[in-house]
PDB file of N, CA and C in Angstrom:
ATOM      1  N   TRP A   1       0.817  -1.189   0.000  1.00  0.00           N
ATOM      2  CA  TRP A   1       0.000   0.000   0.000  1.00  0.00           C
ATOM      3  C   TRP A   1       0.858   1.248   0.000  1.00  0.00           C
ATOM      4  N   LEU A   2       2.076   1.163   0.478  1.00  0.00           N
ATOM      5  CA  LEU A   2       2.962   2.332   0.467  1.00  0.00           C
ATOM      6  C   LEU A   2       3.191   2.853  -0.952  1.00  0.00           C
ATOM      7  N   ALA A   3       3.258   1.950  -1.913  1.00  0.00           N
ATOM      8  CA  ALA A   3       3.485   2.355  -3.300  1.00  0.00           C
ATOM      9  C   ALA A   3       2.322   3.184  -3.849  1.00  0.00           C
ATOM     10  N   ALA A   4       1.136   3.027  -3.287  1.00  0.00           N
ATOM     11  CA  ALA A   4      -0.039   3.748  -3.775  1.00  0.00           C
ATOM     12  C   ALA A   4      -0.203   5.125  -3.140  1.00  0.00           C
ATOM     13  N   VAL A   5       0.585   5.436  -2.121  1.00  0.00           N
ATOM     14  CA  VAL A   5       0.442   6.695  -1.395  1.00  0.00           C
ATOM     15  C   VAL A   5       1.212   7.805  -2.097  1.00  0.00           C
ATOM     16  N   SER A   6       0.570   8.951  -2.227  1.00  0.00           N
ATOM     17  CA  SER A   6       1.216  10.134  -2.781  1.00  0.00           C
ATOM     18  C   SER A   6       1.170  11.222  -1.713  1.00  0.00           C
ATOM     19  N   LEU A   7       2.330  11.656  -1.266  1.00  0.00           N
ATOM     20  CA  LEU A   7       2.403  12.631  -0.184  1.00  0.00           C
ATOM     21  C   LEU A   7       2.659  14.038  -0.711  1.00  0.00           C
ATOM     22  N   ALA A   8       1.951  15.008  -0.161  1.00  0.00           N
ATOM     23  CA  ALA A   8       2.198  16.409  -0.492  1.00  0.00           C
ATOM     24  C   ALA A   8       3.334  16.959   0.366  1.00  0.00           C
ATOM     25  N   ALA A   9       3.526  16.368   1.531  1.00  0.00           N
ATOM     26  CA  ALA A   9       4.585  16.776   2.459  1.00  0.00           C
ATOM     27  C   ALA A   9       5.019  15.539   3.235  1.00  0.00           C
ATOM     28  N   PRO A  10       6.236  15.540   3.789  1.00  0.00           N
ATOM     29  CA  PRO A  10       6.688  14.390   4.583  1.00  0.00           C
ATOM     30  C   PRO A  10       5.747  14.104   5.758  1.00  0.00           C
ATOM     31  N   VAL A  11       5.527  12.832   6.013  1.00  0.00           N
ATOM     32  CA  VAL A  11       4.637  12.384   7.086  1.00  0.00           C
ATOM     33  C   VAL A  11       5.389  11.380   7.951  1.00  0.00           C
ATOM     34  N   PRO A  12       5.290  11.501   9.281  1.00  0.00           N
ATOM     35  CA  PRO A  12       5.937  10.513  10.151  1.00  0.00           C
ATOM     36  C   PRO A  12       5.353   9.117   9.916  1.00  0.00           C
ATOM     37  N   LEU A  13       6.208   8.106  10.026  1.00  0.00           N
ATOM     38  CA  LEU A  13       5.803   6.715   9.808  1.00  0.00           C
ATOM     39  C   LEU A  13       6.279   5.857  10.972  1.00  0.00           C
ATOM     40  N   VAL A  14       5.366   5.085  11.530  1.00  0.00           N
ATOM     41  CA  VAL A  14       5.671   4.135  12.592  1.00  0.00           C
ATOM     42  C   VAL A  14       5.380   2.743  12.043  1.00  0.00           C
ATOM     43  N   THR A  15       6.312   1.823  12.232  1.00  0.00           N
ATOM     44  CA  THR A  15       6.126   0.459  11.738  1.00  0.00           C
ATOM     45  C   THR A  15       6.325  -0.547  12.861  1.00  0.00           C
ATOM     46  N   PHE A  16       5.662  -1.690  12.742  1.00  0.00           N
ATOM     47  CA  PHE A  16       5.871  -2.783  13.690  1.00  0.00           C
ATOM     48  C   PHE A  16       5.644  -4.099  12.976  1.00  0.00           C
ATOM     49  N   ASP A  17       6.149  -5.159  13.576  1.00  0.00           N
ATOM     50  CA  ASP A  17       5.936  -6.497  13.044  1.00  0.00           C
ATOM     51  C   ASP A  17       5.928  -7.488  14.188  1.00  0.00           C
ATOM     52  N   THR A  18       5.701  -8.746  13.849  1.00  0.00           N
ATOM     53  CA  THR A  18       5.790  -9.813  14.843  1.00  0.00           C
ATOM     54  C   THR A  18       6.838 -10.814  14.387  1.00  0.00           C
ATOM     55  N   HIS A  19       7.485 -11.423  15.351  1.00  0.00           N
ATOM     56  CA  HIS A  19       8.526 -12.423  15.110  1.00  0.00           C
ATOM     57  C   HIS A  19       8.306 -13.605  16.029  1.00  0.00           C
ATOM     58  N   THR A  20       8.670 -14.776  15.556  1.00  0.00           N
ATOM     59  CA  THR A  20       8.788 -15.909  16.465  1.00  0.00           C
ATOM     60  C   THR A  20      10.198 -15.838  17.033  1.00  0.00           C
ATOM     61  N   LYS A  21      10.442 -16.496  18.115  1.00  0.00           N
ATOM     62  CA  LYS A  21      11.772 -16.446  18.722  1.00  0.00           C
ATOM     63  C   LYS A  21      12.721 -17.454  18.079  1.00  0.00           C
ATOM     64  N   GLN A  22      12.613 -17.635  16.797  1.00  0.00           N
ATOM     65  CA  GLN A  22      13.494 -18.521  16.038  1.00  0.00           C
ATOM     66  C   GLN A  22      14.657 -17.692  15.502  1.00  0.00           C
ATOM     67  N   ARG A  23      15.853 -18.157  15.663  1.00  0.00           N
ATOM     68  CA  ARG A  23      17.011 -17.407  15.171  1.00  0.00           C
ATOM     69  C   ARG A  23      17.108 -17.402  13.649  1.00  0.00           C
ATOM     70  N   TRP A  24      16.534 -18.368  12.989  1.00  0.00           N
ATOM     71  CA  TRP A  24      16.697 -18.485  11.549  1.00  0.00           C
ATOM     72  C   TRP A  24      15.793 -17.558  10.746  1.00  0.00           C
ATOM     73  N   VAL A  25      14.881 -16.876  11.386  1.00  0.00           N
ATOM     74  CA  VAL A  25      13.978 -15.981  10.662  1.00  0.00           C
ATOM     75  C   VAL A  25      14.747 -14.716  10.275  1.00  0.00           C
ATOM     76  N   PRO A  26      14.940 -14.501   8.969  1.00  0.00           N
ATOM     77  CA  PRO A  26      15.739 -13.358   8.530  1.00  0.00           C
ATOM     78  C   PRO A  26      14.953 -12.049   8.498  1.00  0.00           C
ATOM     79  N   GLY A  27      15.657 -10.957   8.724  1.00  0.00           N
ATOM     80  CA  GLY A  27      15.097  -9.632   8.518  1.00  0.00           C
ATOM     81  C   GLY A  27      13.990  -9.225   9.459  1.00  0.00           C
ATOM     82  N   SER A  28      13.509  -8.037   9.214  1.00  0.00           N
ATOM     83  CA  SER A  28      12.439  -7.458  10.005  1.00  0.00           C
ATOM     84  C   SER A  28      11.489  -6.735   9.058  1.00  0.00           C
ATOM     85  N   ALA A  29      10.240  -7.131   9.063  1.00  0.00           N
ATOM     86  CA  ALA A  29       9.257  -6.485   8.187  1.00  0.00           C
ATOM     87  C   ALA A  29       9.079  -5.018   8.554  1.00  0.00           C
ATOM     88  N   SER A  30       9.196  -4.693   9.843  1.00  0.00           N
ATOM     89  CA  SER A  30       9.033  -3.294  10.242  1.00  0.00           C
ATOM     90  C   SER A  30      10.166  -2.428   9.696  1.00  0.00           C
ATOM     91  N   ARG A  31      11.379  -2.949   9.716  1.00  0.00           N
ATOM     92  CA  ARG A  31      12.506  -2.185   9.157  1.00  0.00           C
ATOM     93  C   ARG A  31      12.391  -2.063   7.644  1.00  0.00           C
ATOM     94  N   ALA A  32      11.962  -3.131   6.993  1.00  0.00           N
ATOM     95  CA  ALA A  32      11.780  -3.093   5.537  1.00  0.00           C
ATOM     96  C   ALA A  32      10.698  -2.081   5.155  1.00  0.00           C
ATOM     97  N   ALA A  33       9.609  -2.049   5.912  1.00  0.00           N
ATOM     98  CA  ALA A  33       8.536  -1.086   5.641  1.00  0.00           C
ATOM     99  C   ALA A  33       9.019   0.342   5.878  1.00  0.00           C
ATOM    100  N   ALA A  34       9.814   0.545   6.919  1.00  0.00           N
ATOM    101  CA  ALA A  34      10.363   1.878   7.187  1.00  0.00           C
ATOM    102  C   ALA A  34      11.274   2.324   6.045  1.00  0.00           C
ATOM    103  N   LYS A  35      12.088   1.412   5.560  1.00  0.00           N
ATOM    104  CA  LYS A  35      12.989   1.723   4.441  1.00  0.00           C
ATOM    105  C   LYS A  35      12.182   2.085   3.191  1.00  0.00           C
ATOM    106  N   GLU A  36      11.165   1.296   2.886  1.00  0.00           N
ATOM    107  CA  GLU A  36      10.297   1.586   1.741  1.00  0.00           C
ATOM    108  C   GLU A  36       9.584   2.920   1.935  1.00  0.00           C
ATOM    109  N   GLY A  37       9.111   3.163   3.145  1.00  0.00           N
ATOM    110  CA  GLY A  37       8.442   4.432   3.438  1.00  0.00           C
ATOM    111  C   GLY A  37       9.352   5.624   3.211  1.00  0.00           C
ATOM    112  N   ARG A  38      10.599   5.487   3.617  1.00  0.00           N
ATOM    113  CA  ARG A  38      11.574   6.569   3.430  1.00  0.00           C
ATOM    114  C   ARG A  38      11.713   6.908   1.943  1.00  0.00           C
ATOM    115  N   THR A  39      11.765   5.883   1.095  1.00  0.00           N
ATOM    116  CA  THR A  39      11.896   6.137  -0.347  1.00  0.00           C
ATOM    117  C   THR A  39      10.636   6.788  -0.923  1.00  0.00           C
ATOM    118  N   ARG A  40       9.522   6.676  -0.216  1.00  0.00           N
ATOM    119  CA  ARG A  40       8.256   7.264  -0.671  1.00  0.00           C
ATOM    120  C   ARG A  40       7.975   8.620  -0.032  1.00  0.00           C
ATOM    121  N   GLY A  41       8.887   9.141   0.777  1.00  0.00           N
ATOM    122  CA  GLY A  41       8.703  10.463   1.358  1.00  0.00           C
ATOM    123  C   GLY A  41       8.233  10.489   2.796  1.00  0.00           C
ATOM    124  N   PHE A  42       8.055   9.326   3.404  1.00  0.00           N
ATOM    125  CA  PHE A  42       7.708   9.279   4.821  1.00  0.00           C
ATOM    126  C   PHE A  42       8.960   9.528   5.662  1.00  0.00           C
ATOM    127  N   ILE A  43       8.759   9.875   6.909  1.00  0.00           N
ATOM    128  CA  ILE A  43       9.863  10.036   7.848  1.00  0.00           C
ATOM    129  C   ILE A  43       9.719   8.947   8.912  1.00  0.00           C
ATOM    130  N   PRO A  44      10.486   7.862   8.806  1.00  0.00           N
ATOM    131  CA  PRO A  44      10.390   6.806   9.827  1.00  0.00           C
ATOM    132  C   PRO A  44      10.823   7.341  11.195  1.00  0.00           C
ATOM    133  N   VAL A  45       9.941   7.215  12.181  1.00  0.00           N
ATOM    134  CA  VAL A  45      10.239   7.728  13.514  1.00  0.00           C
ATOM    135  C   VAL A  45      10.344   6.631  14.567  1.00  0.00           C
ATOM    136  N   ALA A  46       9.764   5.476  14.299  1.00  0.00           N
ATOM    137  CA  ALA A  46       9.832   4.384  15.269  1.00  0.00           C
ATOM    138  C   ALA A  46       9.542   3.060  14.571  1.00  0.00           C
ATOM    139  N   SER A  47      10.194   2.025  15.061  1.00  0.00           N
ATOM    140  CA  SER A  47      10.015   0.686  14.515  1.00  0.00           C
ATOM    141  C   SER A  47      10.163  -0.308  15.661  1.00  0.00           C
ATOM    142  N   ARG A  48       9.315  -1.322  15.694  1.00  0.00           N
ATOM    143  CA  ARG A  48       9.367  -2.274  16.800  1.00  0.00           C
ATOM    144  C   ARG A  48       8.966  -3.657  16.320  1.00  0.00           C
ATOM    145  N   SER A  49       9.540  -4.659  16.938  1.00  0.00           N
ATOM    146  CA  SER A  49       9.151  -6.049  16.714  1.00  0.00           C
ATOM    147  C   SER A  49       8.581  -6.603  18.009  1.00  0.00           C
ATOM    148  N   PHE A  50       7.532  -7.381  17.893  1.00  0.00           N
ATOM    149  CA  PHE A  50       6.920  -8.040  19.035  1.00  0.00           C
ATOM    150  C   PHE A  50       6.952  -9.541  18.774  1.00  0.00           C
ATOM    151  N   TYR A  51       7.133 -10.313  19.834  1.00  0.00           N
ATOM    152  CA  TYR A  51       7.314 -11.754  19.687  1.00  0.00           C
ATOM    153  C   TYR A  51       6.023 -12.529  19.896  1.00  0.00           C
ATOM    154  N   VAL A  52       5.843 -13.533  19.037  1.00  0.00           N
ATOM    155  CA  VAL A  52       4.703 -14.440  19.122  1.00  0.00           C
ATOM    156  C   VAL A  52       5.226 -15.855  19.352  1.00  0.00           C
ATOM    157  N   THR A  53       4.374 -16.711  19.903  1.00  0.00           N
ATOM    158  CA  THR A  53       4.802 -18.081  20.201  1.00  0.00           C
ATOM    159  C   THR A  53       4.899 -18.943  18.955  1.00  0.00           C
ATOM    160  N   ASP A  54       4.108 -18.596  17.932  1.00  0.00           N
ATOM    161  CA  ASP A  54       4.080 -19.360  16.682  1.00  0.00           C
ATOM    162  C   ASP A  54       3.581 -18.430  15.584  1.00  0.00           C
ATOM    163  N   VAL A  55       3.627 -18.868  14.356  1.00  0.00           N
ATOM    164  CA  VAL A  55       3.193 -18.051  13.225  1.00  0.00           C
ATOM    165  C   VAL A  55       1.750 -17.566  13.407  1.00  0.00           C
ATOM    166  N   GLN A  56       0.902 -18.388  13.977  1.00  0.00           N
ATOM    167  CA  GLN A  56      -0.497 -18.032  14.205  1.00  0.00           C
ATOM    168  C   GLN A  56      -0.713 -17.281  15.520  1.00  0.00           C
ATOM    169  N   GLY A  57       0.358 -17.067  16.306  1.00  0.00           N
ATOM    170  CA  GLY A  57       0.213 -16.403  17.599  1.00  0.00           C
ATOM    171  C   GLY A  57       0.055 -17.431  18.684  1.00  0.00           C
ATOM    172  N   PRO A  58      -0.263 -17.045  19.850  1.00  0.00           N
ATOM    173  CA  PRO A  58      -0.497 -15.697  20.357  1.00  0.00           C
ATOM    174  C   PRO A  58       0.820 -14.991  20.694  1.00  0.00           C
ATOM    175  N   LEU A  59       0.711 -13.770  21.191  1.00  0.00           N
ATOM    176  CA  LEU A  59       1.887 -13.038  21.643  1.00  0.00           C
ATOM    177  C   LEU A  59       2.541 -13.758  22.815  1.00  0.00           C
ATOM    178  N   VAL A  60       3.857 -13.672  22.887  1.00  0.00           N
ATOM    179  CA  VAL A  60       4.608 -14.213  24.020  1.00  0.00           C
ATOM    180  C   VAL A  60       4.200 -13.421  25.268  1.00  0.00           C
ATOM    181  N   THR A  61       4.192 -14.073  26.415  1.00  0.00           N
ATOM    182  CA  THR A  61       3.846 -13.420  27.672  1.00  0.00           C
ATOM    183  C   THR A  61       4.643 -12.129  27.839  1.00  0.00           C
ATOM    184  N   GLY A  62       3.933 -11.059  28.151  1.00  0.00           N
ATOM    185  CA  GLY A  62       4.567  -9.761  28.373  1.00  0.00           C
ATOM    186  C   GLY A  62       4.600  -8.860  27.143  1.00  0.00           C
ATOM    187  N   GLU A  63       4.409  -9.444  25.962  1.00  0.00           N
ATOM    188  CA  GLU A  63       4.490  -8.640  24.736  1.00  0.00           C
ATOM    189  C   GLU A  63       3.293  -7.704  24.559  1.00  0.00           C
ATOM    190  N   LEU A  64       2.117  -8.116  25.005  1.00  0.00           N
ATOM    191  CA  LEU A  64       0.954  -7.239  24.883  1.00  0.00           C
ATOM    192  C   LEU A  64       1.168  -5.975  25.712  1.00  0.00           C
ATOM    193  N   GLU A  65       1.664  -6.137  26.923  1.00  0.00           N
ATOM    194  CA  GLU A  65       1.935  -4.967  27.764  1.00  0.00           C
ATOM    195  C   GLU A  65       3.051  -4.117  27.158  1.00  0.00           C
ATOM    196  N   ARG A  66       4.048  -4.757  26.605  1.00  0.00           N
ATOM    197  CA  ARG A  66       5.135  -4.025  25.946  1.00  0.00           C
ATOM    198  C   ARG A  66       4.590  -3.207  24.763  1.00  0.00           C
ATOM    199  N   ALA A  67       3.687  -3.807  23.988  1.00  0.00           N
ATOM    200  CA  ALA A  67       3.071  -3.105  22.857  1.00  0.00           C
ATOM    201  C   ALA A  67       2.215  -1.937  23.338  1.00  0.00           C
ATOM    202  N   ARG A  68       1.467  -2.147  24.403  1.00  0.00           N
ATOM    203  CA  ARG A  68       0.649  -1.061  24.956  1.00  0.00           C
ATOM    204  C   ARG A  68       1.525   0.092  25.428  1.00  0.00           C
ATOM    205  N   HIS A  69       2.601  -0.224  26.108  1.00  0.00           N
ATOM    206  CA  HIS A  69       3.521   0.809  26.594  1.00  0.00           C
ATOM    207  C   HIS A  69       4.093   1.593  25.417  1.00  0.00           C
ATOM    208  N   TRP A  70       4.506   0.895  24.377  1.00  0.00           N
ATOM    209  CA  TRP A  70       5.052   1.544  23.192  1.00  0.00           C
ATOM    210  C   TRP A  70       3.995   2.444  22.537  1.00  0.00           C
ATOM    211  N   GLY A  71       2.777   1.936  22.405  1.00  0.00           N
ATOM    212  CA  GLY A  71       1.687   2.726  21.829  1.00  0.00           C
ATOM    213  C   GLY A  71       1.401   3.983  22.630  1.00  0.00           C
ATOM    214  N   ARG A  72       1.404   3.855  23.958  1.00  0.00           N
ATOM    215  CA  ARG A  72       1.182   5.032  24.807  1.00  0.00           C
ATOM    216  C   ARG A  72       2.292   6.061  24.627  1.00  0.00           C
ATOM    217  N   SER A  73       3.532   5.591  24.546  1.00  0.00           N
ATOM    218  CA  SER A  73       4.644   6.533  24.382  1.00  0.00           C
ATOM    219  C   SER A  73       4.569   7.212  23.011  1.00  0.00           C
ATOM    220  N   LEU A  74       4.150   6.480  21.990  1.00  0.00           N
ATOM    221  CA  LEU A  74       3.964   7.096  20.671  1.00  0.00           C
ATOM    222  C   LEU A  74       2.859   8.145  20.724  1.00  0.00           C
ATOM    223  N   TYR A  75       1.754   7.798  21.369  1.00  0.00           N
ATOM    224  CA  TYR A  75       0.637   8.733  21.489  1.00  0.00           C
ATOM    225  C   TYR A  75       1.060  10.000  22.222  1.00  0.00           C
ATOM    226  N   SER A  76       1.802   9.840  23.297  1.00  0.00           N
ATOM    227  CA  SER A  76       2.269  11.002  24.060  1.00  0.00           C
ATOM    228  C   SER A  76       3.117  11.918  23.192  1.00  0.00           C
ATOM    229  N   GLY A  77       3.992  11.326  22.404  1.00  0.00           N
ATOM    230  CA  GLY A  77       4.841  12.119  21.521  1.00  0.00           C
ATOM    231  C   GLY A  77       4.045  12.841  20.453  1.00  0.00           C
ATOM    232  N   VAL A  78       3.073  12.153  19.864  1.00  0.00           N
ATOM    233  CA  VAL A  78       2.258  12.752  18.806  1.00  0.00           C
ATOM    234  C   VAL A  78       1.343  13.821  19.374  1.00  0.00           C
ATOM    235  N   SER A  79       0.676  13.530  20.470  1.00  0.00           N
ATOM    236  CA  SER A  79      -0.261  14.505  21.020  1.00  0.00           C
ATOM    237  C   SER A  79       0.476  15.749  21.491  1.00  0.00           C
ATOM    238  N   GLY A  80       1.685  15.595  22.030  1.00  0.00           N
ATOM    239  CA  GLY A  80       2.493  16.754  22.416  1.00  0.00           C
ATOM    240  C   GLY A  80       2.885  17.575  21.208  1.00  0.00           C
ATOM    241  N   SER A  81       3.211  16.905  20.122  1.00  0.00           N
ATOM    242  CA  SER A  81       3.586  17.580  18.880  1.00  0.00           C
ATOM    243  C   SER A  81       2.403  18.360  18.311  1.00  0.00           C
ATOM    244  N   VAL A  82       1.224  17.762  18.356  1.00  0.00           N
ATOM    245  CA  VAL A  82       0.025  18.432  17.848  1.00  0.00           C
ATOM    246  C   VAL A  82      -0.296  19.648  18.697  1.00  0.00           C
ATOM    247  N   ARG A  83      -0.188  19.520  20.023  1.00  0.00           N
ATOM    248  CA  ARG A  83      -0.442  20.659  20.906  1.00  0.00           C
ATOM    249  C   ARG A  83       0.533  21.789  20.604  1.00  0.00           C
ATOM    250  N   SER A  84       1.809  21.463  20.407  1.00  0.00           N
ATOM    251  CA  SER A  84       2.815  22.484  20.122  1.00  0.00           C
ATOM    252  C   SER A  84       2.493  23.216  18.830  1.00  0.00           C
ATOM    253  N   ARG A  85       2.109  22.491  17.807  1.00  0.00           N
ATOM    254  CA  ARG A  85       1.782  23.125  16.524  1.00  0.00           C
ATOM    255  C   ARG A  85       0.560  24.014  16.653  1.00  0.00           C
ATOM    256  N   THR A  86      -0.433  23.571  17.409  1.00  0.00           N
ATOM    257  CA  THR A  86      -1.656  24.350  17.571  1.00  0.00           C
ATOM    258  C   THR A  86      -1.354  25.671  18.265  1.00  0.00           C
ATOM    259  N   VAL A  87      -0.521  25.631  19.286  1.00  0.00           N
ATOM    260  CA  VAL A  87      -0.168  26.842  20.025  1.00  0.00           C
ATOM    261  C   VAL A  87       0.634  27.790  19.142  1.00  0.00           C
ATOM    262  N   LEU A  88       1.552  27.250  18.341  1.00  0.00           N
ATOM    263  CA  LEU A  88       2.415  28.084  17.511  1.00  0.00           C
ATOM    264  C   LEU A  88       1.697  28.636  16.286  1.00  0.00           C
ATOM    265  N   ASP A  89       0.725  27.922  15.781  1.00  0.00           N
ATOM    266  CA  ASP A  89       0.026  28.379  14.567  1.00  0.00           C
ATOM    267  C   ASP A  89      -0.916  29.439  14.946  1.00  0.00           C
TER     268      ASP A  89
END
């Protein structure tokens, strides 16, 4: 879907993926998406991998809370940025 996006101005991009705890699994889909986004004019600001027990899931114990914490920190950063722009504009 990144290939279909046309940006008028740079936009922040956050990516994430899931991984099994297998050492043989190459690469990171979140990093690949961030790289592709950069070539399309996005500004990658955060990337994260979360672990699952198997290809079908579920998340490894503790990963849901880790994802929630990450989401909250992203929200805090974005909402602070929006407030700053509103005050300055």
